[in-house]
């Protein structure tokens, strides 16, 4: 039996999230105290991967570069999943061919006998209706029209208006979470994991707080399905473990 690919991805997501969340002063470096904070946010194989990332991303000052550590974890995840040649999970033999310590940490538990199951979903996704579909279509069109960076809130606000879900603009993306929480035209899906966000159907609005290393304004986007998002441009979905998900009702 094998280690599920989703387990590898979830472990990597947990490490990347811990690195971002521990950088409390947002200077891109983790002090000793911040490294301990990061370690307290993960456990098991993710903790081992985090320690290895610390080693490889440590600066001469003793601080750890957040961007380098996160990049190393992403690279390790890619290598670990690439080792899964038949796309059915990482086996012990496939893990044995991995040389990088972070990749090996992310694939701990790959065995010949027994199995390691993917974690059960935590969010009740329910069914997305036609309004969500219209929002996704509007968001894709708007993102392609703008094709900019740094104007995610503007792009999503314009898409909402085009889809018949108009709301007044807000100065920062993260502020939309409170707005949507109190808007009866939307329902919130609680406790959606990073892995689930990337698999959401088209038409969900995902709002990120400002702790994920993007900007002080946070981020907002509309899911397009297939792991894609639309804001002021179309891109792959990026997560950091601190997001809220809202879906149009109807």
C-alpha atoms as a PDB file:
ATOM      1  CA  UNK A   1       0.000   0.000   0.000  1.00  0.00           C
ATOM      2  CA  UNK A   2       1.052   3.614  -0.382  1.00  0.00           C
ATOM      3  CA  UNK A   3       1.027   7.039   1.206  1.00  0.00           C
ATOM      4  CA  UNK A   4      -1.799   9.114  -0.301  1.00  0.00           C
ATOM      5  CA  UNK A   5      -0.686  12.056  -2.426  1.00  0.00           C
ATOM      6  CA  UNK A   6      -3.083  14.300  -0.493  1.00  0.00           C
ATOM      7  CA  UNK A   7      -1.220  13.471   2.735  1.00  0.00           C
ATOM      8  CA  UNK A   8       2.049  14.649   1.196  1.00  0.00           C
ATOM      9  CA  UNK A   9       0.415  17.861  -0.025  1.00  0.00           C
ATOM     10  CA  UNK A  10      -1.322  18.510   3.283  1.00  0.00           C
ATOM     11  CA  UNK A  11       1.948  18.088   5.174  1.00  0.00           C
ATOM     12  CA  UNK A  12       3.685  20.547   2.869  1.00  0.00           C
ATOM     13  CA  UNK A  13       0.803  23.013   3.204  1.00  0.00           C
ATOM     14  CA  UNK A  14       1.035  22.758   7.006  1.00  0.00           C
ATOM     15  CA  UNK A  15       4.761  23.521   6.974  1.00  0.00           C
ATOM     16  CA  UNK A  16       4.398  26.456   4.575  1.00  0.00           C
ATOM     17  CA  UNK A  17       1.559  27.834   6.686  1.00  0.00           C
ATOM     18  CA  UNK A  18       3.564  27.510   9.905  1.00  0.00           C
ATOM     19  CA  UNK A  19       6.500  29.369   8.360  1.00  0.00           C
ATOM     20  CA  UNK A  20       4.273  32.251   7.285  1.00  0.00           C
ATOM     21  CA  UNK A  21       2.252  32.452  10.482  1.00  0.00           C
ATOM     22  CA  UNK A  22       5.331  32.413  12.715  1.00  0.00           C
ATOM     23  CA  UNK A  23       6.793  35.495  11.031  1.00  0.00           C
ATOM     24  CA  UNK A  24       4.922  37.818  13.395  1.00  0.00           C
ATOM     25  CA  UNK A  25       6.822  40.995  12.537  1.00  0.00           C
ATOM     26  CA  UNK A  26       6.569  40.283   8.774  1.00  0.00           C
ATOM     27  CA  UNK A  27      10.261  40.905   8.067  1.00  0.00           C
ATOM     28  CA  UNK A  28      10.734  37.694   6.088  1.00  0.00           C
ATOM     29  CA  UNK A  29      13.024  36.145   8.711  1.00  0.00           C
ATOM     30  CA  UNK A  30      12.321  33.875  11.655  1.00  0.00           C
ATOM     31  CA  UNK A  31      14.137  34.557  14.916  1.00  0.00           C
ATOM     32  CA  UNK A  32      14.763  31.773  17.433  1.00  0.00           C
ATOM     33  CA  UNK A  33      11.488  32.604  19.156  1.00  0.00           C
ATOM     34  CA  UNK A  34       9.622  32.619  15.853  1.00  0.00           C
ATOM     35  CA  UNK A  35      11.189  29.301  14.899  1.00  0.00           C
ATOM     36  CA  UNK A  36       9.875  27.824  18.129  1.00  0.00           C
ATOM     37  CA  UNK A  37       6.490  29.322  17.343  1.00  0.00           C
ATOM     38  CA  UNK A  38       6.498  27.659  13.927  1.00  0.00           C
ATOM     39  CA  UNK A  39       7.455  24.326  15.454  1.00  0.00           C
ATOM     40  CA  UNK A  40       4.476  24.583  17.781  1.00  0.00           C
ATOM     41  CA  UNK A  41       2.119  24.807  14.814  1.00  0.00           C
ATOM     42  CA  UNK A  42       2.968  21.420  13.285  1.00  0.00           C
ATOM     43  CA  UNK A  43       3.614  17.898  14.471  1.00  0.00           C
ATOM     44  CA  UNK A  44       4.777  14.513  13.244  1.00  0.00           C
ATOM     45  CA  UNK A  45       6.173  14.338   9.727  1.00  0.00           C
ATOM     46  CA  UNK A  46       5.423  18.024   9.131  1.00  0.00           C
ATOM     47  CA  UNK A  47       7.536  18.933  12.144  1.00  0.00           C
ATOM     48  CA  UNK A  48      10.447  16.899  10.777  1.00  0.00           C
ATOM     49  CA  UNK A  49      10.101  18.626   7.398  1.00  0.00           C
ATOM     50  CA  UNK A  50      10.017  22.008   9.123  1.00  0.00           C
ATOM     51  CA  UNK A  51      13.253  21.311  10.989  1.00  0.00           C
ATOM     52  CA  UNK A  52      14.946  20.274   7.746  1.00  0.00           C
ATOM     53  CA  UNK A  53      13.695  23.453   6.071  1.00  0.00           C
ATOM     54  CA  UNK A  54      15.156  25.482   8.944  1.00  0.00           C
ATOM     55  CA  UNK A  55      18.555  23.861   8.376  1.00  0.00           C
ATOM     56  CA  UNK A  56      18.627  24.613   4.668  1.00  0.00           C
ATOM     57  CA  UNK A  57      17.237  28.147   4.879  1.00  0.00           C
ATOM     58  CA  UNK A  58      19.259  29.345   7.861  1.00  0.00           C
ATOM     59  CA  UNK A  59      21.117  32.604   7.366  1.00  0.00           C
ATOM     60  CA  UNK A  60      24.537  33.472   8.793  1.00  0.00           C
ATOM     61  CA  UNK A  61      22.769  35.564  11.411  1.00  0.00           C
ATOM     62  CA  UNK A  62      20.959  32.500  12.697  1.00  0.00           C
ATOM     63  CA  UNK A  63      17.619  33.668  11.374  1.00  0.00           C
ATOM     64  CA  UNK A  64      15.696  31.523   8.891  1.00  0.00           C
ATOM     65  CA  UNK A  65      14.637  32.962   5.537  1.00  0.00           C
ATOM     66  CA  UNK A  66      10.884  32.461   5.247  1.00  0.00           C
ATOM     67  CA  UNK A  67      10.757  32.721   1.466  1.00  0.00           C
ATOM     68  CA  UNK A  68      13.639  30.288   0.969  1.00  0.00           C
ATOM     69  CA  UNK A  69      12.217  27.786   3.462  1.00  0.00           C
ATOM     70  CA  UNK A  70       8.771  27.912   1.870  1.00  0.00           C
ATOM     71  CA  UNK A  71      10.307  27.517  -1.572  1.00  0.00           C
ATOM     72  CA  UNK A  72      12.293  24.492  -0.434  1.00  0.00           C
ATOM     73  CA  UNK A  73       9.157  22.862   0.945  1.00  0.00           C
ATOM     74  CA  UNK A  74       7.280  23.472  -2.310  1.00  0.00           C
ATOM     75  CA  UNK A  75      10.162  21.992  -4.274  1.00  0.00           C
ATOM     76  CA  UNK A  76      10.299  18.972  -1.961  1.00  0.00           C
ATOM     77  CA  UNK A  77       6.566  18.401  -2.396  1.00  0.00           C
ATOM     78  CA  UNK A  78       6.954  18.516  -6.178  1.00  0.00           C
ATOM     79  CA  UNK A  79       9.796  16.012  -6.052  1.00  0.00           C
ATOM     80  CA  UNK A  80       7.904  13.709  -3.717  1.00  0.00           C
ATOM     81  CA  UNK A  81       4.810  13.706  -5.919  1.00  0.00           C
ATOM     82  CA  UNK A  82       6.912  13.312  -9.068  1.00  0.00           C
ATOM     83  CA  UNK A  83       8.367  10.132  -7.543  1.00  0.00           C
ATOM     84  CA  UNK A  84       4.846   8.703  -7.570  1.00  0.00           C
ATOM     85  CA  UNK A  85       5.110   7.522 -11.141  1.00  0.00           C
ATOM     86  CA  UNK A  86       1.712   5.815 -11.371  1.00  0.00           C
ATOM     87  CA  UNK A  87      -0.132   8.606  -9.517  1.00  0.00           C
ATOM     88  CA  UNK A  88      -1.606   6.225  -6.939  1.00  0.00           C
ATOM     89  CA  UNK A  89       0.379   7.284  -3.867  1.00  0.00           C
ATOM     90  CA  UNK A  90       4.012   7.185  -2.765  1.00  0.00           C
ATOM     91  CA  UNK A  91       5.288   3.679  -2.055  1.00  0.00           C
ATOM     92  CA  UNK A  92       8.218   2.704   0.157  1.00  0.00           C
ATOM     93  CA  UNK A  93      10.303   1.935  -2.939  1.00  0.00           C
ATOM     94  CA  UNK A  94       9.504   5.329  -4.462  1.00  0.00           C
ATOM     95  CA  UNK A  95      10.345   7.062  -1.197  1.00  0.00           C
ATOM     96  CA  UNK A  96      13.683   5.254  -1.061  1.00  0.00           C
ATOM     97  CA  UNK A  97      14.700   6.981  -4.290  1.00  0.00           C
ATOM     98  CA  UNK A  98      14.180  10.421  -2.759  1.00  0.00           C
ATOM     99  CA  UNK A  99      17.432  12.008  -1.590  1.00  0.00           C
ATOM    100  CA  UNK A 100      16.229  15.333  -0.188  1.00  0.00           C
ATOM    101  CA  UNK A 101      15.573  15.276   3.582  1.00  0.00           C
ATOM    102  CA  UNK A 102      12.504  17.509   3.301  1.00  0.00           C
ATOM    103  CA  UNK A 103      10.947  15.297   0.624  1.00  0.00           C
ATOM    104  CA  UNK A 104      11.720  12.223   2.691  1.00  0.00           C
ATOM    105  CA  UNK A 105      10.132  13.831   5.735  1.00  0.00           C
ATOM    106  CA  UNK A 106       6.986  14.678   3.779  1.00  0.00           C
ATOM    107  CA  UNK A 107       6.682  11.036   2.679  1.00  0.00           C
ATOM    108  CA  UNK A 108       7.194   9.400   6.063  1.00  0.00           C
ATOM    109  CA  UNK A 109       4.812   6.490   6.468  1.00  0.00           C
ATOM    110  CA  UNK A 110       5.036   5.145   2.924  1.00  0.00           C
ATOM    111  CA  UNK A 111       4.983   1.365   3.412  1.00  0.00           C
ATOM    112  CA  UNK A 112       4.703  -1.921   1.564  1.00  0.00           C
ATOM    113  CA  UNK A 113       2.088  -3.217   3.988  1.00  0.00           C
ATOM    114  CA  UNK A 114      -0.716  -1.259   5.598  1.00  0.00           C
ATOM    115  CA  UNK A 115      -1.944   2.103   4.413  1.00  0.00           C
ATOM    116  CA  UNK A 116      -1.947   5.715   5.434  1.00  0.00           C
ATOM    117  CA  UNK A 117      -5.242   7.413   4.644  1.00  0.00           C
ATOM    118  CA  UNK A 118      -5.781  10.999   3.662  1.00  0.00           C
ATOM    119  CA  UNK A 119      -7.342  13.134   6.384  1.00  0.00           C
ATOM    120  CA  UNK A 120     -11.126  13.367   6.273  1.00  0.00           C
ATOM    121  CA  UNK A 121     -12.590  16.633   4.988  1.00  0.00           C
ATOM    122  CA  UNK A 122     -13.444  19.089   7.724  1.00  0.00           C
ATOM    123  CA  UNK A 123     -15.686  21.464   5.820  1.00  0.00           C
ATOM    124  CA  UNK A 124     -19.286  20.691   4.793  1.00  0.00           C
ATOM    125  CA  UNK A 125     -19.095  21.930   1.218  1.00  0.00           C
ATOM    126  CA  UNK A 126     -22.695  21.321   0.235  1.00  0.00           C
ATOM    127  CA  UNK A 127     -23.883  22.053  -3.315  1.00  0.00           C
ATOM    128  CA  UNK A 128     -23.039  25.163  -5.331  1.00  0.00           C
ATOM    129  CA  UNK A 129     -25.943  26.668  -7.277  1.00  0.00           C
ATOM    130  CA  UNK A 130     -26.328  28.738 -10.472  1.00  0.00           C
ATOM    131  CA  UNK A 131     -25.397  31.998  -8.733  1.00  0.00           C
ATOM    132  CA  UNK A 132     -21.982  30.547  -7.886  1.00  0.00           C
ATOM    133  CA  UNK A 133     -21.534  29.519 -11.504  1.00  0.00           C
ATOM    134  CA  UNK A 134     -22.405  33.038 -12.693  1.00  0.00           C
ATOM    135  CA  UNK A 135     -19.955  34.520 -10.224  1.00  0.00           C
ATOM    136  CA  UNK A 136     -17.143  32.245 -11.429  1.00  0.00           C
ATOM    137  CA  UNK A 137     -17.824  33.166 -15.053  1.00  0.00           C
ATOM    138  CA  UNK A 138     -17.881  36.882 -14.205  1.00  0.00           C
ATOM    139  CA  UNK A 139     -14.691  36.574 -12.162  1.00  0.00           C
ATOM    140  CA  UNK A 140     -12.844  34.841 -14.991  1.00  0.00           C
ATOM    141  CA  UNK A 141     -13.886  37.550 -17.464  1.00  0.00           C
ATOM    142  CA  UNK A 142     -12.942  40.362 -15.091  1.00  0.00           C
ATOM    143  CA  UNK A 143      -9.573  38.831 -14.230  1.00  0.00           C
ATOM    144  CA  UNK A 144      -8.690  38.492 -17.891  1.00  0.00           C
ATOM    145  CA  UNK A 145      -9.769  42.072 -18.575  1.00  0.00           C
ATOM    146  CA  UNK A 146      -7.637  43.497 -15.758  1.00  0.00           C
ATOM    147  CA  UNK A 147      -4.673  41.097 -15.857  1.00  0.00           C
ATOM    148  CA  UNK A 148      -2.884  43.077 -13.138  1.00  0.00           C
ATOM    149  CA  UNK A 149      -1.288  42.340  -9.762  1.00  0.00           C
ATOM    150  CA  UNK A 150      -2.169  43.868  -6.416  1.00  0.00           C
ATOM    151  CA  UNK A 151      -5.811  44.748  -7.155  1.00  0.00           C
ATOM    152  CA  UNK A 152      -7.530  41.524  -6.106  1.00  0.00           C
ATOM    153  CA  UNK A 153     -10.256  43.247  -4.066  1.00  0.00           C
ATOM    154  CA  UNK A 154     -11.156  45.493  -6.996  1.00  0.00           C
ATOM    155  CA  UNK A 155     -11.308  42.548  -9.395  1.00  0.00           C
ATOM    156  CA  UNK A 156     -13.557  40.449  -7.154  1.00  0.00           C
ATOM    157  CA  UNK A 157     -15.789  43.410  -6.309  1.00  0.00           C
ATOM    158  CA  UNK A 158     -16.339  44.088 -10.015  1.00  0.00           C
ATOM    159  CA  UNK A 159     -17.044  40.392 -10.624  1.00  0.00           C
ATOM    160  CA  UNK A 160     -19.614  40.369  -7.817  1.00  0.00           C
ATOM    161  CA  UNK A 161     -21.358  43.369  -9.363  1.00  0.00           C
ATOM    162  CA  UNK A 162     -21.400  41.732 -12.800  1.00  0.00           C
ATOM    163  CA  UNK A 163     -22.905  38.570 -11.290  1.00  0.00           C
ATOM    164  CA  UNK A 164     -25.730  40.490  -9.578  1.00  0.00           C
ATOM    165  CA  UNK A 165     -24.125  40.352  -6.130  1.00  0.00           C
ATOM    166  CA  UNK A 166     -22.999  43.961  -5.876  1.00  0.00           C
ATOM    167  CA  UNK A 167     -21.512  45.286  -2.639  1.00  0.00           C
ATOM    168  CA  UNK A 168     -19.689  48.525  -1.921  1.00  0.00           C
ATOM    169  CA  UNK A 169     -15.885  48.441  -2.325  1.00  0.00           C
ATOM    170  CA  UNK A 170     -13.647  48.006   0.715  1.00  0.00           C
ATOM    171  CA  UNK A 171     -10.056  49.293   1.067  1.00  0.00           C
ATOM    172  CA  UNK A 172      -8.512  45.897   1.944  1.00  0.00           C
ATOM    173  CA  UNK A 173      -9.235  42.359   0.763  1.00  0.00           C
ATOM    174  CA  UNK A 174      -9.350  40.823   4.240  1.00  0.00           C
ATOM    175  CA  UNK A 175     -12.227  43.162   5.195  1.00  0.00           C
ATOM    176  CA  UNK A 176     -14.593  41.286   2.894  1.00  0.00           C
ATOM    177  CA  UNK A 177     -14.736  38.367   5.333  1.00  0.00           C
ATOM    178  CA  UNK A 178     -16.720  40.423   7.839  1.00  0.00           C
ATOM    179  CA  UNK A 179     -18.852  41.904   5.071  1.00  0.00           C
ATOM    180  CA  UNK A 180     -19.781  38.513   3.605  1.00  0.00           C
ATOM    181  CA  UNK A 181     -20.317  36.992   7.038  1.00  0.00           C
ATOM    182  CA  UNK A 182     -23.234  39.403   7.510  1.00  0.00           C
ATOM    183  CA  UNK A 183     -24.597  39.192   3.948  1.00  0.00           C
ATOM    184  CA  UNK A 184     -27.589  36.847   3.678  1.00  0.00           C
ATOM    185  CA  UNK A 185     -26.865  36.300  -0.007  1.00  0.00           C
ATOM    186  CA  UNK A 186     -23.894  34.148   1.027  1.00  0.00           C
ATOM    187  CA  UNK A 187     -23.318  31.144   3.254  1.00  0.00           C
ATOM    188  CA  UNK A 188     -20.008  30.407   4.925  1.00  0.00           C
ATOM    189  CA  UNK A 189     -18.349  27.004   4.771  1.00  0.00           C
ATOM    190  CA  UNK A 190     -16.492  26.501   8.031  1.00  0.00           C
ATOM    191  CA  UNK A 191     -13.109  24.846   8.566  1.00  0.00           C
ATOM    192  CA  UNK A 192     -12.110  24.340   4.943  1.00  0.00           C
ATOM    193  CA  UNK A 193      -8.575  22.955   4.772  1.00  0.00           C
ATOM    194  CA  UNK A 194      -5.880  24.168   2.378  1.00  0.00           C
ATOM    195  CA  UNK A 195      -6.248  20.980   0.345  1.00  0.00           C
ATOM    196  CA  UNK A 196     -10.031  21.411   0.125  1.00  0.00           C
ATOM    197  CA  UNK A 197      -9.757  25.034  -0.998  1.00  0.00           C
ATOM    198  CA  UNK A 198      -7.784  23.894  -4.028  1.00  0.00           C
ATOM    199  CA  UNK A 199     -10.562  21.430  -4.921  1.00  0.00           C
ATOM    200  CA  UNK A 200     -13.539  23.762  -4.455  1.00  0.00           C
ATOM    201  CA  UNK A 201     -16.036  23.962  -7.343  1.00  0.00           C
ATOM    202  CA  UNK A 202     -16.331  27.228  -9.282  1.00  0.00           C
ATOM    203  CA  UNK A 203     -17.945  30.201  -7.570  1.00  0.00           C
ATOM    204  CA  UNK A 204     -16.690  30.310  -3.983  1.00  0.00           C
ATOM    205  CA  UNK A 205     -15.217  33.520  -2.609  1.00  0.00           C
ATOM    206  CA  UNK A 206     -12.160  32.824  -0.469  1.00  0.00           C
ATOM    207  CA  UNK A 207     -10.870  35.582   1.811  1.00  0.00           C
ATOM    208  CA  UNK A 208      -7.402  35.384   3.363  1.00  0.00           C
ATOM    209  CA  UNK A 209      -6.200  37.422   6.306  1.00  0.00           C
ATOM    210  CA  UNK A 210      -2.998  39.449   6.165  1.00  0.00           C
ATOM    211  CA  UNK A 211      -0.755  36.839   7.800  1.00  0.00           C
ATOM    212  CA  UNK A 212       0.125  34.825   4.705  1.00  0.00           C
ATOM    213  CA  UNK A 213       3.078  36.848   3.503  1.00  0.00           C
ATOM    214  CA  UNK A 214       1.310  38.537   0.571  1.00  0.00           C
ATOM    215  CA  UNK A 215       0.473  42.070   1.682  1.00  0.00           C
ATOM    216  CA  UNK A 216      -0.984  43.877   4.656  1.00  0.00           C
ATOM    217  CA  UNK A 217      -4.297  43.851   2.769  1.00  0.00           C
ATOM    218  CA  UNK A 218      -4.649  40.056   2.689  1.00  0.00           C
ATOM    219  CA  UNK A 219      -6.142  38.461  -0.409  1.00  0.00           C
ATOM    220  CA  UNK A 220      -9.525  37.651  -1.931  1.00  0.00           C
ATOM    221  CA  UNK A 221     -10.354  35.474  -4.897  1.00  0.00           C
ATOM    222  CA  UNK A 222     -13.080  33.462  -6.616  1.00  0.00           C
ATOM    223  CA  UNK A 223     -12.552  29.763  -7.281  1.00  0.00           C
ATOM    224  CA  UNK A 224     -12.725  28.630 -10.896  1.00  0.00           C
ATOM    225  CA  UNK A 225     -12.378  24.896 -10.328  1.00  0.00           C
ATOM    226  CA  UNK A 226      -9.399  22.752 -11.217  1.00  0.00           C
ATOM    227  CA  UNK A 227      -7.225  24.502  -8.629  1.00  0.00           C
ATOM    228  CA  UNK A 228      -7.517  27.917 -10.301  1.00  0.00           C
ATOM    229  CA  UNK A 229      -8.538  31.278  -8.841  1.00  0.00           C
ATOM    230  CA  UNK A 230      -9.577  34.628 -10.300  1.00  0.00           C
ATOM    231  CA  UNK A 231      -9.063  38.036  -8.718  1.00  0.00           C
ATOM    232  CA  UNK A 232      -7.428  40.716 -10.863  1.00  0.00           C
ATOM    233  CA  UNK A 233      -5.797  37.887 -12.819  1.00  0.00           C
ATOM    234  CA  UNK A 234      -6.144  34.110 -13.161  1.00  0.00           C
ATOM    235  CA  UNK A 235      -3.633  31.911 -11.357  1.00  0.00           C
ATOM    236  CA  UNK A 236      -3.158  28.701  -9.404  1.00  0.00           C
ATOM    237  CA  UNK A 237      -4.672  28.794  -5.920  1.00  0.00           C
ATOM    238  CA  UNK A 238      -2.233  29.698  -3.142  1.00  0.00           C
ATOM    239  CA  UNK A 239      -3.194  28.992   0.480  1.00  0.00           C
ATOM    240  CA  UNK A 240      -1.634  29.570   3.897  1.00  0.00           C
ATOM    241  CA  UNK A 241      -4.046  27.939   6.318  1.00  0.00           C
ATOM    242  CA  UNK A 242      -5.955  31.068   7.366  1.00  0.00           C
ATOM    243  CA  UNK A 243      -8.882  31.565   5.018  1.00  0.00           C
ATOM    244  CA  UNK A 244     -12.668  31.831   5.072  1.00  0.00           C
ATOM    245  CA  UNK A 245     -14.938  30.524   2.330  1.00  0.00           C
ATOM    246  CA  UNK A 246     -18.265  32.012   1.247  1.00  0.00           C
ATOM    247  CA  UNK A 247     -20.652  30.722  -1.431  1.00  0.00           C
ATOM    248  CA  UNK A 248     -23.609  32.539  -3.052  1.00  0.00           C
ATOM    249  CA  UNK A 249     -26.974  31.164  -1.933  1.00  0.00           C
ATOM    250  CA  UNK A 250     -29.173  29.973  -4.768  1.00  0.00           C
END
